[in-house]
Amino acid sequence: MRRLLLASAAVMVLSGCAATVGEPEIPSPFAACDGLTGGTSTEIPDISLPCFTGGADVRLRDLRGPTVINVWGSWCGPCREELPVMQGLADRADGRFTVIGVDTRDDRSRAADFATDRSVTFPTLFDPEQRFIGGLGVTMLPATVFIKADGGMYVHRNAMDVDQLIEQVRKQFGVTVAR
């Protein structure tokens, strides 16, 4: 009888967890992930991650370049400084490139609260198991991945200020962004 009760409880817990994966219960400050894919980069890890806002998973290898991917976590001090700089870049992209985030090793509610407090709205994927940075071979955050129009990729492994980020966009994409 006890085994039956434990098994029933486990099934209820697991089904509750599965129900929240597709559609998050926590309000999201981020934009939807629609329209991010349509390219091919064979250098990027071949994994799919859920959009923070819910809906279909995004296959990272299918991201359309040029794209800046900022990998961050609300628990990471340098990420907390850099993420608003990334939002500023997203605000000035003017359709020349896309900026997205990958929130990693994080709690969904803490990430949403942090992003809301900092007015961060660009599309963000959710990766609590760190699959993306593991596939990149990155061990510390923040990390920023630049996917070029031809599918090539460059990984910057340190936090950047506004000037450093503008320089990397110019260097990686040949695009000049105003400060």
C-alpha atoms as a PDB file:
ATOM      1  CA  MET A   1       0.000   0.000   0.000  1.00  0.00           C
ATOM      2  CA  ARG A   2       2.796   2.390   0.907  1.00  0.00           C
ATOM      3  CA  ARG A   3       4.531   1.699  -2.439  1.00  0.00           C
ATOM      4  CA  LEU A   4       1.315   2.464  -4.283  1.00  0.00           C
ATOM      5  CA  LEU A   5       0.955   5.791  -2.463  1.00  0.00           C
ATOM      6  CA  LEU A   6       4.578   6.735  -3.181  1.00  0.00           C
ATOM      7  CA  ALA A   7       4.225   5.780  -6.838  1.00  0.00           C
ATOM      8  CA  SER A   8       1.019   7.821  -7.151  1.00  0.00           C
ATOM      9  CA  ALA A   9       2.672  10.840  -5.523  1.00  0.00           C
ATOM     10  CA  ALA A  10       5.679  10.548  -7.865  1.00  0.00           C
ATOM     11  CA  VAL A  11       3.411  10.428 -10.927  1.00  0.00           C
ATOM     12  CA  MET A  12       1.522  13.529  -9.757  1.00  0.00           C
ATOM     13  CA  VAL A  13       4.724  15.466  -9.099  1.00  0.00           C
ATOM     14  CA  LEU A  14       6.266  14.485 -12.425  1.00  0.00           C
ATOM     15  CA  SER A  15       3.126  15.335 -14.387  1.00  0.00           C
ATOM     16  CA  GLY A  16       2.981  18.727 -12.704  1.00  0.00           C
ATOM     17  CA  CYS A  17       6.577  19.423 -13.702  1.00  0.00           C
ATOM     18  CA  ALA A  18       5.995  18.351 -17.282  1.00  0.00           C
ATOM     19  CA  ALA A  19       2.990  20.646 -17.599  1.00  0.00           C
ATOM     20  CA  THR A  20       5.039  23.774 -16.804  1.00  0.00           C
ATOM     21  CA  VAL A  21       7.830  23.155 -19.301  1.00  0.00           C
ATOM     22  CA  GLY A  22       5.950  24.320 -22.418  1.00  0.00           C
ATOM     23  CA  GLU A  23       4.140  27.310 -20.928  1.00  0.00           C
ATOM     24  CA  PRO A  24       5.865  29.023 -18.000  1.00  0.00           C
ATOM     25  CA  GLU A  25       3.681  30.186 -15.113  1.00  0.00           C
ATOM     26  CA  ILE A  26       5.938  33.147 -14.301  1.00  0.00           C
ATOM     27  CA  PRO A  27       5.307  36.296 -16.349  1.00  0.00           C
ATOM     28  CA  SER A  28       8.157  36.891 -18.747  1.00  0.00           C
ATOM     29  CA  PRO A  29       9.672  40.296 -19.497  1.00  0.00           C
ATOM     30  CA  PHE A  30      11.276  38.896 -22.662  1.00  0.00           C
ATOM     31  CA  ALA A  31      10.115  39.083 -26.265  1.00  0.00           C
ATOM     32  CA  ALA A  32       8.911  35.922 -27.970  1.00  0.00           C
ATOM     33  CA  CYS A  33      11.406  33.803 -29.901  1.00  0.00           C
ATOM     34  CA  ASP A  34       9.427  33.705 -33.160  1.00  0.00           C
ATOM     35  CA  GLY A  35      11.521  34.349 -36.259  1.00  0.00           C
ATOM     36  CA  LEU A  36      14.948  33.641 -34.756  1.00  0.00           C
ATOM     37  CA  THR A  37      15.693  30.641 -36.950  1.00  0.00           C
ATOM     38  CA  GLY A  38      16.181  30.256 -40.674  1.00  0.00           C
ATOM     39  CA  GLY A  39      19.938  29.853 -40.994  1.00  0.00           C
ATOM     40  CA  THR A  40      22.518  27.168 -40.385  1.00  0.00           C
ATOM     41  CA  SER A  41      25.684  27.210 -38.294  1.00  0.00           C
ATOM     42  CA  THR A  42      27.527  23.923 -38.114  1.00  0.00           C
ATOM     43  CA  GLU A  43      29.894  25.318 -35.468  1.00  0.00           C
ATOM     44  CA  ILE A  44      27.244  25.925 -32.819  1.00  0.00           C
ATOM     45  CA  PRO A  45      26.156  23.007 -30.592  1.00  0.00           C
ATOM     46  CA  ASP A  46      23.227  21.079 -32.054  1.00  0.00           C
ATOM     47  CA  ILE A  47      20.789  21.473 -29.174  1.00  0.00           C
ATOM     48  CA  SER A  48      17.341  22.958 -28.765  1.00  0.00           C
ATOM     49  CA  LEU A  49      16.304  25.143 -25.843  1.00  0.00           C
ATOM     50  CA  PRO A  50      12.908  26.417 -24.766  1.00  0.00           C
ATOM     51  CA  CYS A  51      12.036  30.058 -25.241  1.00  0.00           C
ATOM     52  CA  PHE A  52      11.646  31.740 -21.861  1.00  0.00           C
ATOM     53  CA  THR A  53       8.155  32.895 -22.908  1.00  0.00           C
ATOM     54  CA  GLY A  54       7.056  29.346 -23.825  1.00  0.00           C
ATOM     55  CA  GLY A  55       6.107  27.947 -27.197  1.00  0.00           C
ATOM     56  CA  ALA A  56       8.299  25.852 -29.451  1.00  0.00           C
ATOM     57  CA  ASP A  57      11.930  25.111 -28.618  1.00  0.00           C
ATOM     58  CA  VAL A  58      14.599  26.893 -30.647  1.00  0.00           C
ATOM     59  CA  ARG A  59      17.268  24.784 -32.339  1.00  0.00           C
ATOM     60  CA  LEU A  60      20.459  26.807 -31.862  1.00  0.00           C
ATOM     61  CA  ARG A  61      22.107  25.453 -34.995  1.00  0.00           C
ATOM     62  CA  ASP A  62      19.224  26.995 -36.985  1.00  0.00           C
ATOM     63  CA  LEU A  63      19.734  30.536 -35.684  1.00  0.00           C
ATOM     64  CA  ARG A  64      19.894  33.092 -38.447  1.00  0.00           C
ATOM     65  CA  GLY A  65      23.052  35.236 -38.430  1.00  0.00           C
ATOM     66  CA  PRO A  66      24.205  37.777 -37.729  1.00  0.00           C
ATOM     67  CA  THR A  67      23.149  37.098 -34.150  1.00  0.00           C
ATOM     68  CA  VAL A  68      24.634  38.004 -30.774  1.00  0.00           C
ATOM     69  CA  ILE A  69      23.879  35.415 -28.065  1.00  0.00           C
ATOM     70  CA  ASN A  70      24.564  36.575 -24.524  1.00  0.00           C
ATOM     71  CA  VAL A  71      24.804  33.707 -22.025  1.00  0.00           C
ATOM     72  CA  TRP A  72      23.975  34.914 -18.532  1.00  0.00           C
ATOM     73  CA  GLY A  73      22.504  34.044 -15.148  1.00  0.00           C
ATOM     74  CA  SER A  74      20.901  36.283 -12.532  1.00  0.00           C
ATOM     75  CA  TRP A  75      23.307  34.796  -9.963  1.00  0.00           C
ATOM     76  CA  CYS A  76      26.390  35.980 -11.932  1.00  0.00           C
ATOM     77  CA  GLY A  77      27.776  39.375 -10.838  1.00  0.00           C
ATOM     78  CA  PRO A  78      29.470  40.312 -14.151  1.00  0.00           C
ATOM     79  CA  CYS A  79      26.324  39.161 -16.033  1.00  0.00           C
ATOM     80  CA  ARG A  80      24.223  41.524 -13.937  1.00  0.00           C
ATOM     81  CA  GLU A  81      26.410  44.406 -15.130  1.00  0.00           C
ATOM     82  CA  GLU A  82      26.613  43.282 -18.759  1.00  0.00           C
ATOM     83  CA  LEU A  83      22.980  42.347 -19.427  1.00  0.00           C
ATOM     84  CA  PRO A  84      21.697  45.974 -19.557  1.00  0.00           C
ATOM     85  CA  VAL A  85      24.560  46.740 -21.989  1.00  0.00           C
ATOM     86  CA  MET A  86      23.275  43.910 -24.205  1.00  0.00           C
ATOM     87  CA  GLN A  87      19.766  45.381 -24.039  1.00  0.00           C
ATOM     88  CA  GLY A  88      21.213  48.705 -25.197  1.00  0.00           C
ATOM     89  CA  LEU A  89      22.813  46.895 -28.140  1.00  0.00           C
ATOM     90  CA  ALA A  90      19.511  45.172 -28.954  1.00  0.00           C
ATOM     91  CA  ASP A  91      17.776  48.552 -28.890  1.00  0.00           C
ATOM     92  CA  ARG A  92      20.272  49.923 -31.451  1.00  0.00           C
ATOM     93  CA  ALA A  93      20.459  46.866 -33.740  1.00  0.00           C
ATOM     94  CA  ASP A  94      17.938  48.386 -36.192  1.00  0.00           C
ATOM     95  CA  GLY A  95      17.356  45.045 -37.926  1.00  0.00           C
ATOM     96  CA  ARG A  96      21.033  44.657 -38.913  1.00  0.00           C
ATOM     97  CA  PHE A  97      21.529  41.806 -36.439  1.00  0.00           C
ATOM     98  CA  THR A  98      19.616  40.043 -33.671  1.00  0.00           C
ATOM     99  CA  VAL A  99      20.408  39.950 -29.960  1.00  0.00           C
ATOM    100  CA  ILE A 100      19.158  37.053 -27.851  1.00  0.00           C
ATOM    101  CA  GLY A 101      19.953  35.735 -24.408  1.00  0.00           C
ATOM    102  CA  VAL A 102      20.442  32.306 -22.921  1.00  0.00           C
ATOM    103  CA  ASP A 103      19.642  32.264 -19.214  1.00  0.00           C
ATOM    104  CA  THR A 104      21.649  29.386 -17.768  1.00  0.00           C
ATOM    105  CA  ARG A 105      21.855  27.561 -14.424  1.00  0.00           C
ATOM    106  CA  ASP A 106      19.156  29.828 -13.106  1.00  0.00           C
ATOM    107  CA  ASP A 107      15.800  29.903 -11.395  1.00  0.00           C
ATOM    108  CA  ARG A 108      13.048  31.093 -13.736  1.00  0.00           C
ATOM    109  CA  SER A 109      11.448  33.500 -11.251  1.00  0.00           C
ATOM    110  CA  ARG A 110      14.767  35.085 -10.220  1.00  0.00           C
ATOM    111  CA  ALA A 111      15.732  35.541 -13.875  1.00  0.00           C
ATOM    112  CA  ALA A 112      12.360  37.115 -14.729  1.00  0.00           C
ATOM    113  CA  ASP A 113      12.534  39.438 -11.705  1.00  0.00           C
ATOM    114  CA  PHE A 114      16.092  40.486 -12.536  1.00  0.00           C
ATOM    115  CA  ALA A 115      15.288  41.154 -16.199  1.00  0.00           C
ATOM    116  CA  THR A 116      12.139  43.076 -15.288  1.00  0.00           C
ATOM    117  CA  ASP A 117      14.085  45.263 -12.843  1.00  0.00           C
ATOM    118  CA  ARG A 118      16.677  46.026 -15.567  1.00  0.00           C
ATOM    119  CA  SER A 119      14.136  46.441 -18.421  1.00  0.00           C
ATOM    120  CA  VAL A 120      15.690  43.583 -20.403  1.00  0.00           C
ATOM    121  CA  THR A 121      13.266  42.468 -23.102  1.00  0.00           C
ATOM    122  CA  PHE A 122      15.189  40.810 -25.951  1.00  0.00           C
ATOM    123  CA  PRO A 123      14.236  37.173 -26.717  1.00  0.00           C
ATOM    124  CA  THR A 124      15.769  34.761 -24.242  1.00  0.00           C
ATOM    125  CA  LEU A 125      16.128  30.990 -24.132  1.00  0.00           C
ATOM    126  CA  PHE A 126      16.091  29.057 -20.850  1.00  0.00           C
ATOM    127  CA  ASP A 127      18.888  26.565 -20.112  1.00  0.00           C
ATOM    128  CA  PRO A 128      18.880  25.552 -16.430  1.00  0.00           C
ATOM    129  CA  GLU A 129      20.987  22.448 -17.154  1.00  0.00           C
ATOM    130  CA  GLN A 130      23.803  24.453 -18.866  1.00  0.00           C
ATOM    131  CA  ARG A 131      23.624  22.395 -22.047  1.00  0.00           C
ATOM    132  CA  PHE A 132      24.582  25.317 -24.286  1.00  0.00           C
ATOM    133  CA  ILE A 133      27.697  26.445 -22.411  1.00  0.00           C
ATOM    134  CA  GLY A 134      28.685  22.815 -21.957  1.00  0.00           C
ATOM    135  CA  GLY A 135      28.478  22.327 -25.720  1.00  0.00           C
ATOM    136  CA  LEU A 136      30.584  25.451 -26.239  1.00  0.00           C
ATOM    137  CA  GLY A 137      33.214  24.340 -23.713  1.00  0.00           C
ATOM    138  CA  VAL A 138      32.610  27.501 -21.661  1.00  0.00           C
ATOM    139  CA  THR A 139      33.123  27.224 -17.915  1.00  0.00           C
ATOM    140  CA  MET A 140      32.523  30.804 -16.722  1.00  0.00           C
ATOM    141  CA  LEU A 141      29.948  33.484 -17.394  1.00  0.00           C
ATOM    142  CA  PRO A 142      29.187  35.754 -19.019  1.00  0.00           C
ATOM    143  CA  ALA A 143      29.954  34.519 -22.496  1.00  0.00           C
ATOM    144  CA  THR A 144      28.848  36.090 -25.764  1.00  0.00           C
ATOM    145  CA  VAL A 145      28.548  34.150 -29.002  1.00  0.00           C
ATOM    146  CA  PHE A 146      28.618  35.957 -32.343  1.00  0.00           C
ATOM    147  CA  ILE A 147      27.023  33.979 -35.183  1.00  0.00           C
ATOM    148  CA  LYS A 148      28.015  35.468 -38.522  1.00  0.00           C
ATOM    149  CA  ALA A 149      25.817  35.603 -41.626  1.00  0.00           C
ATOM    150  CA  ASP A 150      27.873  32.788 -43.180  1.00  0.00           C
ATOM    151  CA  GLY A 151      27.254  30.561 -40.129  1.00  0.00           C
ATOM    152  CA  GLY A 152      30.720  31.062 -38.611  1.00  0.00           C
ATOM    153  CA  MET A 153      30.954  31.611 -34.877  1.00  0.00           C
ATOM    154  CA  TYR A 154      33.143  33.489 -32.391  1.00  0.00           C
ATOM    155  CA  VAL A 155      32.879  33.106 -28.591  1.00  0.00           C
ATOM    156  CA  HIS A 156      33.903  36.031 -26.362  1.00  0.00           C
ATOM    157  CA  ARG A 157      34.532  34.698 -22.841  1.00  0.00           C
ATOM    158  CA  ASN A 158      34.518  37.839 -20.679  1.00  0.00           C
ATOM    159  CA  ALA A 159      32.104  40.585 -19.712  1.00  0.00           C
ATOM    160  CA  MET A 160      32.091  43.593 -22.030  1.00  0.00           C
ATOM    161  CA  ASP A 161      31.312  47.246 -21.517  1.00  0.00           C
ATOM    162  CA  VAL A 162      29.544  49.320 -24.190  1.00  0.00           C
ATOM    163  CA  ASP A 163      32.708  50.205 -26.127  1.00  0.00           C
ATOM    164  CA  GLN A 164      34.056  46.643 -26.122  1.00  0.00           C
ATOM    165  CA  LEU A 165      30.699  45.281 -27.295  1.00  0.00           C
ATOM    166  CA  ILE A 166      30.452  47.853 -30.098  1.00  0.00           C
ATOM    167  CA  GLU A 167      33.984  46.937 -31.197  1.00  0.00           C
ATOM    168  CA  GLN A 168      33.167  43.208 -31.265  1.00  0.00           C
ATOM    169  CA  VAL A 169      30.045  43.828 -33.361  1.00  0.00           C
ATOM    170  CA  ARG A 170      32.147  45.841 -35.823  1.00  0.00           C
ATOM    171  CA  LYS A 171      34.883  43.215 -35.876  1.00  0.00           C
ATOM    172  CA  GLN A 172      32.592  40.160 -36.145  1.00  0.00           C
ATOM    173  CA  PHE A 173      29.794  41.528 -38.359  1.00  0.00           C
ATOM    174  CA  GLY A 174      31.311  44.601 -40.045  1.00  0.00           C
ATOM    175  CA  VAL A 175      28.444  46.655 -38.586  1.00  0.00           C
ATOM    176  CA  THR A 176      28.955  50.011 -36.895  1.00  0.00           C
ATOM    177  CA  VAL A 177      26.709  50.699 -33.913  1.00  0.00           C
ATOM    178  CA  ALA A 178      26.357  54.134 -32.358  1.00  0.00           C
ATOM    179  CA  ARG A 179      27.185  54.457 -28.688  1.00  0.00           C
END
